[in-house]
Amino acid sequence: LSGFVQITAVNLGYFTYSLLWVGL
């Protein structure tokens, strides 16, 4: 909201990627 971060992409499909859960 302060403008210090800008969202460039949202990838909801990554929830199915194994690398995401490897990170967890």
PDB file of all heavy atoms in Angstrom:
ATOM      1  N   LEU A   1       0.818  -1.215   0.000  1.00  0.00           N
ATOM      2  CA  LEU A   1       0.000   0.000   0.000  1.00  0.00           C
ATOM      3  C   LEU A   1       0.852   1.266   0.000  1.00  0.00           C
ATOM      4  O   LEU A   1       0.409   2.317  -0.471  1.00  0.00           O
ATOM      5  CB  LEU A   1      -0.934  -0.001   1.205  1.00  0.00           C
ATOM      6  CG  LEU A   1      -2.011  -1.099   1.231  1.00  0.00           C
ATOM      7  CD1 LEU A   1      -2.850  -1.015   2.499  1.00  0.00           C
ATOM      8  CD2 LEU A   1      -2.902  -1.017  -0.005  1.00  0.00           C
ATOM      9  N   SER A   2       2.072   1.155   0.519  1.00  0.00           N
ATOM     10  CA  SER A   2       2.972   2.307   0.558  1.00  0.00           C
ATOM     11  C   SER A   2       3.710   2.505  -0.764  1.00  0.00           C
ATOM     12  O   SER A   2       4.420   3.494  -0.932  1.00  0.00           O
ATOM     13  CB  SER A   2       3.995   2.139   1.692  1.00  0.00           C
ATOM     14  OG  SER A   2       3.351   2.007   2.940  1.00  0.00           O
ATOM     15  N   GLY A   3       3.564   1.552  -1.668  1.00  0.00           N
ATOM     16  CA  GLY A   3       4.211   1.662  -2.966  1.00  0.00           C
ATOM     17  C   GLY A   3       5.629   1.158  -3.013  1.00  0.00           C
ATOM     18  O   GLY A   3       6.327   1.332  -4.025  1.00  0.00           O
ATOM     19  N   PHE A   4       6.079   0.510  -1.931  1.00  0.00           N
ATOM     20  CA  PHE A   4       7.450  -0.003  -1.905  1.00  0.00           C
ATOM     21  C   PHE A   4       7.556  -1.389  -2.538  1.00  0.00           C
ATOM     22  O   PHE A   4       8.656  -1.855  -2.832  1.00  0.00           O
ATOM     23  CB  PHE A   4       7.976  -0.061  -0.474  1.00  0.00           C
ATOM     24  CG  PHE A   4       8.118   1.290   0.162  1.00  0.00           C
ATOM     25  CD1 PHE A   4       7.400   1.612   1.296  1.00  0.00           C
ATOM     26  CD2 PHE A   4       8.952   2.253  -0.395  1.00  0.00           C
ATOM     27  CE1 PHE A   4       7.526   2.869   1.883  1.00  0.00           C
ATOM     28  CE2 PHE A   4       9.081   3.503   0.176  1.00  0.00           C
ATOM     29  CZ  PHE A   4       8.359   3.816   1.322  1.00  0.00           C
ATOM     30  N   VAL A   5       6.429  -2.051  -2.727  1.00  0.00           N
ATOM     31  CA  VAL A   5       6.394  -3.363  -3.366  1.00  0.00           C
ATOM     32  C   VAL A   5       5.338  -3.345  -4.453  1.00  0.00           C
ATOM     33  O   VAL A   5       4.239  -2.814  -4.266  1.00  0.00           O
ATOM     34  CB  VAL A   5       6.069  -4.479  -2.339  1.00  0.00           C
ATOM     35  CG1 VAL A   5       5.721  -5.777  -3.047  1.00  0.00           C
ATOM     36  CG2 VAL A   5       7.253  -4.705  -1.420  1.00  0.00           C
ATOM     37  N   GLN A   6       5.675  -3.914  -5.581  1.00  0.00           N
ATOM     38  CA  GLN A   6       4.734  -4.029  -6.696  1.00  0.00           C
ATOM     39  C   GLN A   6       4.597  -5.495  -7.072  1.00  0.00           C
ATOM     40  O   GLN A   6       5.589  -6.204  -7.235  1.00  0.00           O
ATOM     41  CB  GLN A   6       5.235  -3.224  -7.898  1.00  0.00           C
ATOM     42  CG  GLN A   6       4.311  -3.305  -9.106  1.00  0.00           C
ATOM     43  CD  GLN A   6       4.838  -2.484 -10.273  1.00  0.00           C
ATOM     44  OE1 GLN A   6       5.753  -1.689 -10.108  1.00  0.00           O
ATOM     45  NE2 GLN A   6       4.269  -2.689 -11.457  1.00  0.00           N
ATOM     46  N   ILE A   7       3.356  -5.965  -7.192  1.00  0.00           N
ATOM     47  CA  ILE A   7       3.109  -7.347  -7.612  1.00  0.00           C
ATOM     48  C   ILE A   7       3.266  -7.444  -9.122  1.00  0.00           C
ATOM     49  O   ILE A   7       2.610  -6.722  -9.865  1.00  0.00           O
ATOM     50  CB  ILE A   7       1.707  -7.805  -7.183  1.00  0.00           C
ATOM     51  CG1 ILE A   7       1.589  -7.813  -5.656  1.00  0.00           C
ATOM     52  CG2 ILE A   7       1.403  -9.203  -7.731  1.00  0.00           C
ATOM     53  CD1 ILE A   7       0.194  -8.142  -5.149  1.00  0.00           C
ATOM     54  N   THR A   8       4.128  -8.334  -9.555  1.00  0.00           N
ATOM     55  CA  THR A   8       4.365  -8.503 -10.989  1.00  0.00           C
ATOM     56  C   THR A   8       3.650  -9.727 -11.567  1.00  0.00           C
ATOM     57  O   THR A   8       3.414  -9.792 -12.768  1.00  0.00           O
ATOM     58  CB  THR A   8       5.880  -8.619 -11.267  1.00  0.00           C
ATOM     59  OG1 THR A   8       6.415  -9.727 -10.529  1.00  0.00           O
ATOM     60  CG2 THR A   8       6.592  -7.333 -10.846  1.00  0.00           C
ATOM     61  N   ALA A   9       3.340 -10.707 -10.716  1.00  0.00           N
ATOM     62  CA  ALA A   9       2.638 -11.908 -11.191  1.00  0.00           C
ATOM     63  C   ALA A   9       2.071 -12.666 -10.001  1.00  0.00           C
ATOM     64  O   ALA A   9       2.596 -12.586  -8.892  1.00  0.00           O
ATOM     65  CB  ALA A   9       3.579 -12.807 -11.992  1.00  0.00           C
ATOM     66  N   VAL A  10       0.981 -13.381 -10.258  1.00  0.00           N
ATOM     67  CA  VAL A  10       0.389 -14.273  -9.261  1.00  0.00           C
ATOM     68  C   VAL A  10       0.245 -15.646  -9.910  1.00  0.00           C
ATOM     69  O   VAL A  10      -0.400 -15.780 -10.956  1.00  0.00           O
ATOM     70  CB  VAL A  10      -0.977 -13.764  -8.773  1.00  0.00           C
ATOM     71  CG1 VAL A  10      -1.595 -14.756  -7.786  1.00  0.00           C
ATOM     72  CG2 VAL A  10      -0.846 -12.385  -8.132  1.00  0.00           C
ATOM     73  N   ASN A  11       0.856 -16.648  -9.309  1.00  0.00           N
ATOM     74  CA  ASN A  11       0.898 -17.984  -9.906  1.00  0.00           C
ATOM     75  C   ASN A  11       0.241 -19.004  -8.976  1.00  0.00           C
ATOM     76  O   ASN A  11       0.916 -19.724  -8.237  1.00  0.00           O
ATOM     77  CB  ASN A  11       2.354 -18.397 -10.174  1.00  0.00           C
ATOM     78  CG  ASN A  11       3.082 -17.393 -11.043  1.00  0.00           C
ATOM     79  OD1 ASN A  11       2.780 -17.240 -12.216  1.00  0.00           O
ATOM     80  ND2 ASN A  11       4.037 -16.692 -10.458  1.00  0.00           N
ATOM     81  N   LEU A  12      -1.096 -19.054  -8.990  1.00  0.00           N
ATOM     82  CA  LEU A  12      -1.821 -19.979  -8.123  1.00  0.00           C
ATOM     83  C   LEU A  12      -1.530 -21.435  -8.489  1.00  0.00           C
ATOM     84  O   LEU A  12      -1.632 -22.327  -7.646  1.00  0.00           O
ATOM     85  CB  LEU A  12      -3.322 -19.709  -8.197  1.00  0.00           C
ATOM     86  CG  LEU A  12      -3.776 -18.325  -7.693  1.00  0.00           C
ATOM     87  CD1 LEU A  12      -5.291 -18.183  -7.840  1.00  0.00           C
ATOM     88  CD2 LEU A  12      -3.358 -18.113  -6.243  1.00  0.00           C
ATOM     89  N   GLY A  13      -1.132 -21.668  -9.729  1.00  0.00           N
ATOM     90  CA  GLY A  13      -0.810 -23.025 -10.159  1.00  0.00           C
ATOM     91  C   GLY A  13       0.391 -23.611  -9.449  1.00  0.00           C
ATOM     92  O   GLY A  13       0.570 -24.837  -9.420  1.00  0.00           O
ATOM     93  N   TYR A  14       1.203 -22.737  -8.837  1.00  0.00           N
ATOM     94  CA  TYR A  14       2.387 -23.220  -8.125  1.00  0.00           C
ATOM     95  C   TYR A  14       2.036 -24.053  -6.892  1.00  0.00           C
ATOM     96  O   TYR A  14       2.892 -24.745  -6.346  1.00  0.00           O
ATOM     97  CB  TYR A  14       3.282 -22.055  -7.704  1.00  0.00           C
ATOM     98  CG  TYR A  14       4.116 -21.473  -8.845  1.00  0.00           C
ATOM     99  CD1 TYR A  14       4.883 -20.327  -8.662  1.00  0.00           C
ATOM    100  CD2 TYR A  14       4.145 -22.088 -10.098  1.00  0.00           C
ATOM    101  CE1 TYR A  14       5.645 -19.795  -9.692  1.00  0.00           C
ATOM    102  CE2 TYR A  14       4.896 -21.563 -11.129  1.00  0.00           C
ATOM    103  CZ  TYR A  14       5.651 -20.422 -10.924  1.00  0.00           C
ATOM    104  OH  TYR A  14       6.400 -19.899 -11.945  1.00  0.00           O
ATOM    105  N   PHE A  15       0.779 -23.956  -6.438  1.00  0.00           N
ATOM    106  CA  PHE A  15       0.363 -24.780  -5.305  1.00  0.00           C
ATOM    107  C   PHE A  15       0.489 -26.266  -5.613  1.00  0.00           C
ATOM    108  O   PHE A  15       0.552 -27.094  -4.714  1.00  0.00           O
ATOM    109  CB  PHE A  15      -1.074 -24.452  -4.900  1.00  0.00           C
ATOM    110  CG  PHE A  15      -1.189 -23.246  -4.011  1.00  0.00           C
ATOM    111  CD1 PHE A  15      -1.816 -22.092  -4.453  1.00  0.00           C
ATOM    112  CD2 PHE A  15      -0.663 -23.259  -2.724  1.00  0.00           C
ATOM    113  CE1 PHE A  15      -1.928 -20.979  -3.632  1.00  0.00           C
ATOM    114  CE2 PHE A  15      -0.758 -22.152  -1.894  1.00  0.00           C
ATOM    115  CZ  PHE A  15      -1.398 -21.003  -2.346  1.00  0.00           C
ATOM    116  N   THR A  16       0.508 -26.608  -6.893  1.00  0.00           N
ATOM    117  CA  THR A  16       0.630 -28.018  -7.285  1.00  0.00           C
ATOM    118  C   THR A  16       2.081 -28.416  -7.553  1.00  0.00           C
ATOM    119  O   THR A  16       2.350 -29.584  -7.835  1.00  0.00           O
ATOM    120  CB  THR A  16      -0.200 -28.285  -8.555  1.00  0.00           C
ATOM    121  OG1 THR A  16       0.321 -27.509  -9.648  1.00  0.00           O
ATOM    122  CG2 THR A  16      -1.664 -27.915  -8.333  1.00  0.00           C
ATOM    123  N   TYR A  17       3.010 -27.460  -7.447  1.00  0.00           N
ATOM    124  CA  TYR A  17       4.411 -27.745  -7.734  1.00  0.00           C
ATOM    125  C   TYR A  17       5.085 -28.353  -6.498  1.00  0.00           C
ATOM    126  O   TYR A  17       4.949 -27.858  -5.384  1.00  0.00           O
ATOM    127  CB  TYR A  17       5.145 -26.461  -8.127  1.00  0.00           C
ATOM    128  CG  TYR A  17       4.964 -26.045  -9.564  1.00  0.00           C
ATOM    129  CD1 TYR A  17       3.744 -26.228 -10.218  1.00  0.00           C
ATOM    130  CD2 TYR A  17       6.002 -25.446 -10.269  1.00  0.00           C
ATOM    131  CE1 TYR A  17       3.564 -25.826 -11.529  1.00  0.00           C
ATOM    132  CE2 TYR A  17       5.829 -25.041 -11.591  1.00  0.00           C
ATOM    133  CZ  TYR A  17       4.604 -25.237 -12.203  1.00  0.00           C
ATOM    134  OH  TYR A  17       4.434 -24.838 -13.507  1.00  0.00           O
ATOM    135  N   SER A  18       5.847 -29.398  -6.731  1.00  0.00           N
ATOM    136  CA  SER A  18       6.510 -30.058  -5.608  1.00  0.00           C
ATOM    137  C   SER A  18       7.540 -29.156  -4.951  1.00  0.00           C
ATOM    138  O   SER A  18       7.761 -29.231  -3.737  1.00  0.00           O
ATOM    139  CB  SER A  18       7.170 -31.356  -6.076  1.00  0.00           C
ATOM    140  OG  SER A  18       8.165 -31.086  -7.071  1.00  0.00           O
ATOM    141  N   LEU A  19       8.172 -28.278  -5.731  1.00  0.00           N
ATOM    142  CA  LEU A  19       9.208 -27.412  -5.174  1.00  0.00           C
ATOM    143  C   LEU A  19       8.647 -26.489  -4.092  1.00  0.00           C
ATOM    144  O   LEU A  19       9.346 -26.161  -3.123  1.00  0.00           O
ATOM    145  CB  LEU A  19       9.858 -26.574  -6.283  1.00  0.00           C
ATOM    146  CG  LEU A  19      11.065 -25.722  -5.878  1.00  0.00           C
ATOM    147  CD1 LEU A  19      12.165 -26.573  -5.266  1.00  0.00           C
ATOM    148  CD2 LEU A  19      11.599 -24.945  -7.079  1.00  0.00           C
ATOM    149  N   LEU A  20       7.389 -26.095  -4.229  1.00  0.00           N
ATOM    150  CA  LEU A  20       6.760 -25.246  -3.223  1.00  0.00           C
ATOM    151  C   LEU A  20       6.706 -25.973  -1.879  1.00  0.00           C
ATOM    152  O   LEU A  20       7.043 -25.411  -0.829  1.00  0.00           O
ATOM    153  CB  LEU A  20       5.344 -24.868  -3.658  1.00  0.00           C
ATOM    154  CG  LEU A  20       4.588 -23.934  -2.715  1.00  0.00           C
ATOM    155  CD1 LEU A  20       5.065 -22.501  -2.894  1.00  0.00           C
ATOM    156  CD2 LEU A  20       3.080 -24.018  -2.957  1.00  0.00           C
ATOM    157  N   TRP A  21       6.313 -27.236  -1.909  1.00  0.00           N
ATOM    158  CA  TRP A  21       6.165 -28.017  -0.681  1.00  0.00           C
ATOM    159  C   TRP A  21       7.504 -28.537  -0.175  1.00  0.00           C
ATOM    160  O   TRP A  21       7.659 -28.793   1.020  1.00  0.00           O
ATOM    161  CB  TRP A  21       5.169 -29.145  -0.919  1.00  0.00           C
ATOM    162  CG  TRP A  21       3.874 -28.583  -1.414  1.00  0.00           C
ATOM    163  CD1 TRP A  21       3.331 -28.693  -2.666  1.00  0.00           C
ATOM    164  CD2 TRP A  21       2.982 -27.728  -0.682  1.00  0.00           C
ATOM    165  NE1 TRP A  21       2.169 -27.989  -2.769  1.00  0.00           N
ATOM    166  CE2 TRP A  21       1.924 -27.378  -1.564  1.00  0.00           C
ATOM    167  CE3 TRP A  21       2.971 -27.225   0.615  1.00  0.00           C
ATOM    168  CZ2 TRP A  21       0.879 -26.559  -1.176  1.00  0.00           C
ATOM    169  CZ3 TRP A  21       1.925 -26.405   1.003  1.00  0.00           C
ATOM    170  CH2 TRP A  21       0.899 -26.085   0.115  1.00  0.00           C
ATOM    171  N   VAL A  22       8.475 -28.659  -1.081  1.00  0.00           N
ATOM    172  CA  VAL A  22       9.844 -28.944  -0.633  1.00  0.00           C
ATOM    173  C   VAL A  22      10.345 -27.772   0.207  1.00  0.00           C
ATOM    174  O   VAL A  22      11.007 -27.963   1.242  1.00  0.00           O
ATOM    175  CB  VAL A  22      10.774 -29.179  -1.838  1.00  0.00           C
ATOM    176  CG1 VAL A  22      12.230 -29.164  -1.408  1.00  0.00           C
ATOM    177  CG2 VAL A  22      10.451 -30.514  -2.507  1.00  0.00           C
ATOM    178  N   GLY A  23      10.013 -26.560  -0.229  1.00  0.00           N
ATOM    179  CA  GLY A  23      10.379 -25.379   0.547  1.00  0.00           C
ATOM    180  C   GLY A  23       9.743 -25.406   1.927  1.00  0.00           C
ATOM    181  O   GLY A  23      10.390 -25.089   2.926  1.00  0.00           O
ATOM    182  N   LEU A  24       8.471 -25.807   2.000  1.00  0.00           N
ATOM    183  CA  LEU A  24       7.793 -25.897   3.294  1.00  0.00           C
ATOM    184  C   LEU A  24       8.477 -26.915   4.201  1.00  0.00           C
ATOM    185  O   LEU A  24       8.689 -26.663   5.389  1.00  0.00           O
ATOM    186  CB  LEU A  24       6.326 -26.268   3.102  1.00  0.00           C
ATOM    187  CG  LEU A  24       5.516 -26.459   4.390  1.00  0.00           C
ATOM    188  CD1 LEU A  24       5.527 -25.194   5.238  1.00  0.00           C
ATOM    189  CD2 LEU A  24       4.084 -26.881   4.060  1.00  0.00           C
TER     190      LEU A  24
END
